[in-house]
Amino acid sequence: IISLWAVFASFVACALAGVVSGIAFIFVINPFTGIAVI
């Protein structure tokens, strides 16, 4: 059960990090990579 909740927490953390880093990728590195990460 603790492992399942850890997977849930990692999904939430990766979702937030993916959207934020995707926005940064759009403006800094490559727009297509940023859209894929978002």
PDB file of all heavy atoms in Angstrom:
ATOM      1  N   ILE A   1       0.837  -1.205   0.000  1.00  0.00           N
ATOM      2  CA  ILE A   1       0.000   0.000   0.000  1.00  0.00           C
ATOM      3  C   ILE A   1       0.872   1.256   0.000  1.00  0.00           C
ATOM      4  O   ILE A   1       0.605   2.225  -0.721  1.00  0.00           O
ATOM      5  CB  ILE A   1      -0.962  -0.011   1.203  1.00  0.00           C
ATOM      6  CG1 ILE A   1      -1.895  -1.213   1.128  1.00  0.00           C
ATOM      7  CG2 ILE A   1      -1.745   1.283   1.296  1.00  0.00           C
ATOM      8  CD1 ILE A   1      -2.780  -1.248  -0.090  1.00  0.00           C
ATOM      9  N   ILE A   2       1.937   1.247   0.780  1.00  0.00           N
ATOM     10  CA  ILE A   2       2.851   2.392   0.809  1.00  0.00           C
ATOM     11  C   ILE A   2       3.505   2.580  -0.555  1.00  0.00           C
ATOM     12  O   ILE A   2       3.671   3.712  -1.031  1.00  0.00           O
ATOM     13  CB  ILE A   2       3.892   2.213   1.928  1.00  0.00           C
ATOM     14  CG1 ILE A   2       3.217   2.350   3.296  1.00  0.00           C
ATOM     15  CG2 ILE A   2       5.029   3.219   1.796  1.00  0.00           C
ATOM     16  CD1 ILE A   2       4.089   1.961   4.452  1.00  0.00           C
ATOM     17  N   SER A   3       3.842   1.490  -1.217  1.00  0.00           N
ATOM     18  CA  SER A   3       4.439   1.579  -2.551  1.00  0.00           C
ATOM     19  C   SER A   3       3.454   2.166  -3.558  1.00  0.00           C
ATOM     20  O   SER A   3       3.842   2.952  -4.427  1.00  0.00           O
ATOM     21  CB  SER A   3       4.889   0.199  -3.028  1.00  0.00           C
ATOM     22  OG  SER A   3       5.861  -0.327  -2.184  1.00  0.00           O
ATOM     23  N   LEU A   4       2.183   1.783  -3.455  1.00  0.00           N
ATOM     24  CA  LEU A   4       1.174   2.357  -4.353  1.00  0.00           C
ATOM     25  C   LEU A   4       1.037   3.864  -4.149  1.00  0.00           C
ATOM     26  O   LEU A   4       0.938   4.629  -5.112  1.00  0.00           O
ATOM     27  CB  LEU A   4      -0.174   1.673  -4.135  1.00  0.00           C
ATOM     28  CG  LEU A   4      -0.313   0.248  -4.649  1.00  0.00           C
ATOM     29  CD1 LEU A   4      -1.650  -0.342  -4.214  1.00  0.00           C
ATOM     30  CD2 LEU A   4      -0.181   0.218  -6.154  1.00  0.00           C
ATOM     31  N   TRP A   5       1.039   4.294  -2.904  1.00  0.00           N
ATOM     32  CA  TRP A   5       0.956   5.736  -2.633  1.00  0.00           C
ATOM     33  C   TRP A   5       2.222   6.463  -3.102  1.00  0.00           C
ATOM     34  O   TRP A   5       2.156   7.627  -3.519  1.00  0.00           O
ATOM     35  CB  TRP A   5       0.686   6.009  -1.159  1.00  0.00           C
ATOM     36  CG  TRP A   5      -0.753   5.798  -0.812  1.00  0.00           C
ATOM     37  CD1 TRP A   5      -1.288   4.747  -0.143  1.00  0.00           C
ATOM     38  CD2 TRP A   5      -1.858   6.662  -1.141  1.00  0.00           C
ATOM     39  NE1 TRP A   5      -2.655   4.900  -0.031  1.00  0.00           N
ATOM     40  CE2 TRP A   5      -3.027   6.065  -0.626  1.00  0.00           C
ATOM     41  CE3 TRP A   5      -1.966   7.871  -1.816  1.00  0.00           C
ATOM     42  CZ2 TRP A   5      -4.290   6.643  -0.777  1.00  0.00           C
ATOM     43  CZ3 TRP A   5      -3.222   8.449  -1.945  1.00  0.00           C
ATOM     44  CH2 TRP A   5      -4.360   7.839  -1.441  1.00  0.00           C
ATOM     45  N   ALA A   6       3.368   5.794  -3.053  1.00  0.00           N
ATOM     46  CA  ALA A   6       4.604   6.400  -3.559  1.00  0.00           C
ATOM     47  C   ALA A   6       4.537   6.572  -5.076  1.00  0.00           C
ATOM     48  O   ALA A   6       5.020   7.578  -5.608  1.00  0.00           O
ATOM     49  CB  ALA A   6       5.805   5.545  -3.172  1.00  0.00           C
ATOM     50  N   VAL A   7       3.940   5.609  -5.760  1.00  0.00           N
ATOM     51  CA  VAL A   7       3.755   5.744  -7.213  1.00  0.00           C
ATOM     52  C   VAL A   7       2.827   6.913  -7.516  1.00  0.00           C
ATOM     53  O   VAL A   7       3.084   7.703  -8.436  1.00  0.00           O
ATOM     54  CB  VAL A   7       3.216   4.429  -7.817  1.00  0.00           C
ATOM     55  CG1 VAL A   7       2.744   4.624  -9.243  1.00  0.00           C
ATOM     56  CG2 VAL A   7       4.280   3.352  -7.747  1.00  0.00           C
ATOM     57  N   PHE A   8       1.758   7.059  -6.746  1.00  0.00           N
ATOM     58  CA  PHE A   8       0.862   8.197  -6.927  1.00  0.00           C
ATOM     59  C   PHE A   8       1.607   9.520  -6.730  1.00  0.00           C
ATOM     60  O   PHE A   8       1.465  10.454  -7.529  1.00  0.00           O
ATOM     61  CB  PHE A   8      -0.316   8.105  -5.957  1.00  0.00           C
ATOM     62  CG  PHE A   8      -1.087   9.382  -5.826  1.00  0.00           C
ATOM     63  CD1 PHE A   8      -1.878   9.835  -6.864  1.00  0.00           C
ATOM     64  CD2 PHE A   8      -1.002  10.138  -4.670  1.00  0.00           C
ATOM     65  CE1 PHE A   8      -2.577  11.029  -6.746  1.00  0.00           C
ATOM     66  CE2 PHE A   8      -1.694  11.320  -4.544  1.00  0.00           C
ATOM     67  CZ  PHE A   8      -2.490  11.768  -5.589  1.00  0.00           C
ATOM     68  N   ALA A   9       2.409   9.600  -5.685  1.00  0.00           N
ATOM     69  CA  ALA A   9       3.164  10.832  -5.418  1.00  0.00           C
ATOM     70  C   ALA A   9       4.156  11.122  -6.543  1.00  0.00           C
ATOM     71  O   ALA A   9       4.337  12.285  -6.931  1.00  0.00           O
ATOM     72  CB  ALA A   9       3.888  10.731  -4.085  1.00  0.00           C
ATOM     73  N   SER A  10       4.773  10.086  -7.089  1.00  0.00           N
ATOM     74  CA  SER A  10       5.720  10.309  -8.191  1.00  0.00           C
ATOM     75  C   SER A  10       4.989  10.740  -9.454  1.00  0.00           C
ATOM     76  O   SER A  10       5.511  11.552 -10.230  1.00  0.00           O
ATOM     77  CB  SER A  10       6.553   9.057  -8.454  1.00  0.00           C
ATOM     78  OG  SER A  10       5.750   8.022  -8.960  1.00  0.00           O
ATOM     79  N   PHE A  11       3.778  10.228  -9.696  1.00  0.00           N
ATOM     80  CA  PHE A  11       2.990  10.699 -10.841  1.00  0.00           C
ATOM     81  C   PHE A  11       2.691  12.187 -10.711  1.00  0.00           C
ATOM     82  O   PHE A  11       2.821  12.941 -11.678  1.00  0.00           O
ATOM     83  CB  PHE A  11       1.674   9.932 -10.941  1.00  0.00           C
ATOM     84  CG  PHE A  11       1.768   8.604 -11.639  1.00  0.00           C
ATOM     85  CD1 PHE A  11       0.649   7.801 -11.755  1.00  0.00           C
ATOM     86  CD2 PHE A  11       2.950   8.143 -12.183  1.00  0.00           C
ATOM     87  CE1 PHE A  11       0.708   6.575 -12.379  1.00  0.00           C
ATOM     88  CE2 PHE A  11       3.026   6.920 -12.811  1.00  0.00           C
ATOM     89  CZ  PHE A  11       1.903   6.133 -12.914  1.00  0.00           C
ATOM     90  N   VAL A  12       2.293  12.607  -9.521  1.00  0.00           N
ATOM     91  CA  VAL A  12       1.974  14.019  -9.314  1.00  0.00           C
ATOM     92  C   VAL A  12       3.216  14.886  -9.482  1.00  0.00           C
ATOM     93  O   VAL A  12       3.176  15.928 -10.153  1.00  0.00           O
ATOM     94  CB  VAL A  12       1.332  14.226  -7.916  1.00  0.00           C
ATOM     95  CG1 VAL A  12       1.206  15.697  -7.586  1.00  0.00           C
ATOM     96  CG2 VAL A  12      -0.019  13.546  -7.856  1.00  0.00           C
ATOM     97  N   ALA A  13       4.333  14.464  -8.898  1.00  0.00           N
ATOM     98  CA  ALA A  13       5.565  15.246  -8.997  1.00  0.00           C
ATOM     99  C   ALA A  13       6.052  15.327 -10.441  1.00  0.00           C
ATOM    100  O   ALA A  13       6.463  16.402 -10.911  1.00  0.00           O
ATOM    101  CB  ALA A  13       6.646  14.635  -8.106  1.00  0.00           C
ATOM    102  N   CYS A  14       5.992  14.219 -11.152  1.00  0.00           N
ATOM    103  CA  CYS A  14       6.438  14.228 -12.558  1.00  0.00           C
ATOM    104  C   CYS A  14       5.494  15.028 -13.444  1.00  0.00           C
ATOM    105  O   CYS A  14       5.930  15.636 -14.429  1.00  0.00           O
ATOM    106  CB  CYS A  14       6.573  12.804 -13.081  1.00  0.00           C
ATOM    107  SG  CYS A  14       7.969  11.923 -12.384  1.00  0.00           S
ATOM    108  N   ALA A  15       4.206  15.040 -13.113  1.00  0.00           N
ATOM    109  CA  ALA A  15       3.261  15.845 -13.883  1.00  0.00           C
ATOM    110  C   ALA A  15       3.577  17.332 -13.725  1.00  0.00           C
ATOM    111  O   ALA A  15       3.633  18.076 -14.722  1.00  0.00           O
ATOM    112  CB  ALA A  15       1.831  15.550 -13.438  1.00  0.00           C
ATOM    113  N   LEU A  16       3.794  17.756 -12.492  1.00  0.00           N
ATOM    114  CA  LEU A  16       4.120  19.167 -12.263  1.00  0.00           C
ATOM    115  C   LEU A  16       5.459  19.539 -12.906  1.00  0.00           C
ATOM    116  O   LEU A  16       5.574  20.577 -13.568  1.00  0.00           O
ATOM    117  CB  LEU A  16       4.152  19.457 -10.767  1.00  0.00           C
ATOM    118  CG  LEU A  16       2.811  19.383 -10.041  1.00  0.00           C
ATOM    119  CD1 LEU A  16       3.011  19.547  -8.551  1.00  0.00           C
ATOM    120  CD2 LEU A  16       1.863  20.414 -10.580  1.00  0.00           C
ATOM    121  N   ALA A  17       6.449  18.691 -12.724  1.00  0.00           N
ATOM    122  CA  ALA A  17       7.764  18.976 -13.298  1.00  0.00           C
ATOM    123  C   ALA A  17       7.723  18.938 -14.816  1.00  0.00           C
ATOM    124  O   ALA A  17       8.407  19.727 -15.489  1.00  0.00           O
ATOM    125  CB  ALA A  17       8.787  17.969 -12.778  1.00  0.00           C
ATOM    126  N   GLY A  18       6.929  18.040 -15.383  1.00  0.00           N
ATOM    127  CA  GLY A  18       6.827  17.954 -16.834  1.00  0.00           C
ATOM    128  C   GLY A  18       6.215  19.191 -17.455  1.00  0.00           C
ATOM    129  O   GLY A  18       6.700  19.691 -18.484  1.00  0.00           O
ATOM    130  N   VAL A  19       5.164  19.696 -16.849  1.00  0.00           N
ATOM    131  CA  VAL A  19       4.522  20.897 -17.390  1.00  0.00           C
ATOM    132  C   VAL A  19       5.444  22.108 -17.253  1.00  0.00           C
ATOM    133  O   VAL A  19       5.616  22.895 -18.193  1.00  0.00           O
ATOM    134  CB  VAL A  19       3.156  21.130 -16.707  1.00  0.00           C
ATOM    135  CG1 VAL A  19       2.577  22.477 -17.086  1.00  0.00           C
ATOM    136  CG2 VAL A  19       2.190  20.013 -17.079  1.00  0.00           C
ATOM    137  N   VAL A  20       6.061  22.260 -16.090  1.00  0.00           N
ATOM    138  CA  VAL A  20       6.939  23.412 -15.868  1.00  0.00           C
ATOM    139  C   VAL A  20       8.170  23.346 -16.773  1.00  0.00           C
ATOM    140  O   VAL A  20       8.541  24.339 -17.420  1.00  0.00           O
ATOM    141  CB  VAL A  20       7.354  23.505 -14.378  1.00  0.00           C
ATOM    142  CG1 VAL A  20       8.437  24.528 -14.167  1.00  0.00           C
ATOM    143  CG2 VAL A  20       6.139  23.819 -13.524  1.00  0.00           C
ATOM    144  N   SER A  21       8.813  22.185 -16.856  1.00  0.00           N
ATOM    145  CA  SER A  21       9.999  22.087 -17.712  1.00  0.00           C
ATOM    146  C   SER A  21       9.627  22.140 -19.186  1.00  0.00           C
ATOM    147  O   SER A  21      10.422  22.606 -20.005  1.00  0.00           O
ATOM    148  CB  SER A  21      10.772  20.807 -17.404  1.00  0.00           C
ATOM    149  OG  SER A  21       9.992  19.674 -17.723  1.00  0.00           O
ATOM    150  N   GLY A  22       8.429  21.674 -19.540  1.00  0.00           N
ATOM    151  CA  GLY A  22       7.978  21.791 -20.933  1.00  0.00           C
ATOM    152  C   GLY A  22       7.826  23.231 -21.357  1.00  0.00           C
ATOM    153  O   GLY A  22       8.184  23.604 -22.491  1.00  0.00           O
ATOM    154  N   ILE A  23       7.310  24.057 -20.468  1.00  0.00           N
ATOM    155  CA  ILE A  23       7.189  25.486 -20.774  1.00  0.00           C
ATOM    156  C   ILE A  23       8.576  26.100 -20.940  1.00  0.00           C
ATOM    157  O   ILE A  23       8.811  26.911 -21.850  1.00  0.00           O
ATOM    158  CB  ILE A  23       6.372  26.196 -19.671  1.00  0.00           C
ATOM    159  CG1 ILE A  23       4.913  25.726 -19.730  1.00  0.00           C
ATOM    160  CG2 ILE A  23       6.450  27.708 -19.819  1.00  0.00           C
ATOM    161  CD1 ILE A  23       4.066  26.179 -18.564  1.00  0.00           C
ATOM    162  N   ALA A  24       9.510  25.693 -20.093  1.00  0.00           N
ATOM    163  CA  ALA A  24      10.873  26.205 -20.225  1.00  0.00           C
ATOM    164  C   ALA A  24      11.522  25.721 -21.517  1.00  0.00           C
ATOM    165  O   ALA A  24      12.236  26.478 -22.188  1.00  0.00           O
ATOM    166  CB  ALA A  24      11.709  25.777 -19.023  1.00  0.00           C
ATOM    167  N   PHE A  25      11.274  24.479 -21.901  1.00  0.00           N
ATOM    168  CA  PHE A  25      11.839  23.947 -23.147  1.00  0.00           C
ATOM    169  C   PHE A  25      11.305  24.679 -24.369  1.00  0.00           C
ATOM    170  O   PHE A  25      12.028  24.855 -25.350  1.00  0.00           O
ATOM    171  CB  PHE A  25      11.524  22.457 -23.289  1.00  0.00           C
ATOM    172  CG  PHE A  25      12.419  21.550 -22.508  1.00  0.00           C
ATOM    173  CD1 PHE A  25      12.201  20.186 -22.518  1.00  0.00           C
ATOM    174  CD2 PHE A  25      13.471  22.037 -21.737  1.00  0.00           C
ATOM    175  CE1 PHE A  25      13.003  19.325 -21.800  1.00  0.00           C
ATOM    176  CE2 PHE A  25      14.284  21.200 -21.019  1.00  0.00           C
ATOM    177  CZ  PHE A  25      14.052  19.838 -21.048  1.00  0.00           C
ATOM    178  N   ILE A  26      10.047  25.090 -24.316  1.00  0.00           N
ATOM    179  CA  ILE A  26       9.472  25.796 -25.467  1.00  0.00           C
ATOM    180  C   ILE A  26      10.242  27.076 -25.744  1.00  0.00           C
ATOM    181  O   ILE A  26      10.538  27.404 -26.896  1.00  0.00           O
ATOM    182  CB  ILE A  26       7.976  26.098 -25.229  1.00  0.00           C
ATOM    183  CG1 ILE A  26       7.166  24.807 -25.363  1.00  0.00           C
ATOM    184  CG2 ILE A  26       7.450  27.132 -26.205  1.00  0.00           C
ATOM    185  CD1 ILE A  26       5.702  24.969 -25.053  1.00  0.00           C
ATOM    186  N   PHE A  27      10.585  27.807 -24.706  1.00  0.00           N
ATOM    187  CA  PHE A  27      11.238  29.102 -24.897  1.00  0.00           C
ATOM    188  C   PHE A  27      12.752  29.012 -24.996  1.00  0.00           C
ATOM    189  O   PHE A  27      13.378  29.892 -25.581  1.00  0.00           O
ATOM    190  CB  PHE A  27      10.850  30.055 -23.766  1.00  0.00           C
ATOM    191  CG  PHE A  27       9.389  30.397 -23.773  1.00  0.00           C
ATOM    192  CD1 PHE A  27       8.563  29.991 -22.738  1.00  0.00           C
ATOM    193  CD2 PHE A  27       8.831  31.102 -24.828  1.00  0.00           C
ATOM    194  CE1 PHE A  27       7.227  30.291 -22.749  1.00  0.00           C
ATOM    195  CE2 PHE A  27       7.487  31.409 -24.845  1.00  0.00           C
ATOM    196  CZ  PHE A  27       6.676  31.003 -23.808  1.00  0.00           C
ATOM    197  N   VAL A  28      13.369  27.987 -24.438  1.00  0.00           N
ATOM    198  CA  VAL A  28      14.819  27.941 -24.363  1.00  0.00           C
ATOM    199  C   VAL A  28      15.422  26.962 -25.366  1.00  0.00           C
ATOM    200  O   VAL A  28      16.316  27.336 -26.140  1.00  0.00           O
ATOM    201  CB  VAL A  28      15.278  27.583 -22.927  1.00  0.00           C
ATOM    202  CG1 VAL A  28      16.784  27.460 -22.852  1.00  0.00           C
ATOM    203  CG2 VAL A  28      14.780  28.623 -21.936  1.00  0.00           C
ATOM    204  N   ILE A  29      14.978  25.735 -25.406  1.00  0.00           N
ATOM    205  CA  ILE A  29      15.659  24.704 -26.180  1.00  0.00           C
ATOM    206  C   ILE A  29      14.983  24.471 -27.527  1.00  0.00           C
ATOM    207  O   ILE A  29      15.508  24.849 -28.568  1.00  0.00           O
ATOM    208  CB  ILE A  29      15.753  23.391 -25.364  1.00  0.00           C
ATOM    209  CG1 ILE A  29      16.568  23.642 -24.098  1.00  0.00           C
ATOM    210  CG2 ILE A  29      16.383  22.282 -26.188  1.00  0.00           C
ATOM    211  CD1 ILE A  29      16.608  22.468 -23.159  1.00  0.00           C
ATOM    212  N   ASN A  30      13.842  23.795 -27.515  1.00  0.00           N
ATOM    213  CA  ASN A  30      13.183  23.411 -28.751  1.00  0.00           C
ATOM    214  C   ASN A  30      11.680  23.376 -28.496  1.00  0.00           C
ATOM    215  O   ASN A  30      11.226  22.692 -27.596  1.00  0.00           O
ATOM    216  CB  ASN A  30      13.687  22.019 -29.184  1.00  0.00           C
ATOM    217  CG  ASN A  30      13.167  21.598 -30.535  1.00  0.00           C
ATOM    218  OD1 ASN A  30      12.414  22.315 -31.170  1.00  0.00           O
ATOM    219  ND2 ASN A  30      13.577  20.417 -30.961  1.00  0.00           N
ATOM    220  N   PRO A  31      10.896  24.082 -29.318  1.00  0.00           N
ATOM    221  CA  PRO A  31       9.452  24.104 -29.074  1.00  0.00           C
ATOM    222  C   PRO A  31       8.793  22.723 -29.190  1.00  0.00           C
ATOM    223  O   PRO A  31       7.877  22.405 -28.443  1.00  0.00           O
ATOM    224  CB  PRO A  31       8.898  25.041 -30.151  1.00  0.00           C
ATOM    225  CG  PRO A  31      10.049  25.809 -30.654  1.00  0.00           C
ATOM    226  CD  PRO A  31      11.268  25.006 -30.392  1.00  0.00           C
ATOM    227  N   PHE A  32       9.269  21.882 -30.121  1.00  0.00           N
ATOM    228  CA  PHE A  32       8.655  20.567 -30.285  1.00  0.00           C
ATOM    229  C   PHE A  32       8.928  19.663 -29.078  1.00  0.00           C
ATOM    230  O   PHE A  32       8.060  18.912 -28.644  1.00  0.00           O
ATOM    231  CB  PHE A  32       9.156  19.911 -31.574  1.00  0.00           C
ATOM    232  CG  PHE A  32       8.772  20.686 -32.801  1.00  0.00           C
ATOM    233  CD1 PHE A  32       9.742  21.213 -33.622  1.00  0.00           C
ATOM    234  CD2 PHE A  32       7.439  20.898 -33.112  1.00  0.00           C
ATOM    235  CE1 PHE A  32       9.395  21.931 -34.750  1.00  0.00           C
ATOM    236  CE2 PHE A  32       7.080  21.609 -34.233  1.00  0.00           C
ATOM    237  CZ  PHE A  32       8.058  22.140 -35.062  1.00  0.00           C
ATOM    238  N   THR A  33      10.118  19.752 -28.556  1.00  0.00           N
ATOM    239  CA  THR A  33      10.448  18.993 -27.349  1.00  0.00           C
ATOM    240  C   THR A  33       9.610  19.496 -26.171  1.00  0.00           C
ATOM    241  O   THR A  33       9.115  18.690 -25.362  1.00  0.00           O
ATOM    242  CB  THR A  33      11.938  19.120 -27.018  1.00  0.00           C
ATOM    243  OG1 THR A  33      12.696  18.704 -28.140  1.00  0.00           O
ATOM    244  CG2 THR A  33      12.310  18.287 -25.811  1.00  0.00           C
ATOM    245  N   GLY A  34       9.443  20.784 -26.075  1.00  0.00           N
ATOM    246  CA  GLY A  34       8.640  21.351 -24.996  1.00  0.00           C
ATOM    247  C   GLY A  34       7.190  20.909 -25.062  1.00  0.00           C
ATOM    248  O   GLY A  34       6.586  20.574 -24.037  1.00  0.00           O
ATOM    249  N   ILE A  35       6.629  20.874 -26.255  1.00  0.00           N
ATOM    250  CA  ILE A  35       5.243  20.425 -26.407  1.00  0.00           C
ATOM    251  C   ILE A  35       5.114  18.954 -26.029  1.00  0.00           C
ATOM    252  O   ILE A  35       4.147  18.536 -25.379  1.00  0.00           O
ATOM    253  CB  ILE A  35       4.751  20.692 -27.839  1.00  0.00           C
ATOM    254  CG1 ILE A  35       4.619  22.207 -28.054  1.00  0.00           C
ATOM    255  CG2 ILE A  35       3.418  20.006 -28.107  1.00  0.00           C
ATOM    256  CD1 ILE A  35       4.339  22.609 -29.480  1.00  0.00           C
ATOM    257  N   ALA A  36       6.098  18.147 -26.421  1.00  0.00           N
ATOM    258  CA  ALA A  36       6.071  16.723 -26.068  1.00  0.00           C
ATOM    259  C   ALA A  36       6.170  16.532 -24.553  1.00  0.00           C
ATOM    260  O   ALA A  36       5.470  15.682 -23.980  1.00  0.00           O
ATOM    261  CB  ALA A  36       7.205  15.994 -26.769  1.00  0.00           C
ATOM    262  N   VAL A  37       7.003  17.305 -23.898  1.00  0.00           N
ATOM    263  CA  VAL A  37       7.154  17.178 -22.442  1.00  0.00           C
ATOM    264  C   VAL A  37       5.889  17.657 -21.733  1.00  0.00           C
ATOM    265  O   VAL A  37       5.459  17.063 -20.732  1.00  0.00           O
ATOM    266  CB  VAL A  37       8.413  17.935 -21.958  1.00  0.00           C
ATOM    267  CG1 VAL A  37       8.480  17.995 -20.449  1.00  0.00           C
ATOM    268  CG2 VAL A  37       9.658  17.289 -22.521  1.00  0.00           C
ATOM    269  N   ILE A  38       5.263  18.706 -22.230  1.00  0.00           N
ATOM    270  CA  ILE A  38       3.995  19.166 -21.658  1.00  0.00           C
ATOM    271  C   ILE A  38       2.926  18.094 -21.831  1.00  0.00           C
ATOM    272  O   ILE A  38       2.137  17.816 -20.910  1.00  0.00           O
ATOM    273  CB  ILE A  38       3.551  20.505 -22.288  1.00  0.00           C
ATOM    274  CG1 ILE A  38       4.458  21.624 -21.807  1.00  0.00           C
ATOM    275  CG2 ILE A  38       2.100  20.815 -21.932  1.00  0.00           C
ATOM    276  CD1 ILE A  38       4.195  22.961 -22.478  1.00  0.00           C
TER     277      ILE A  38
END
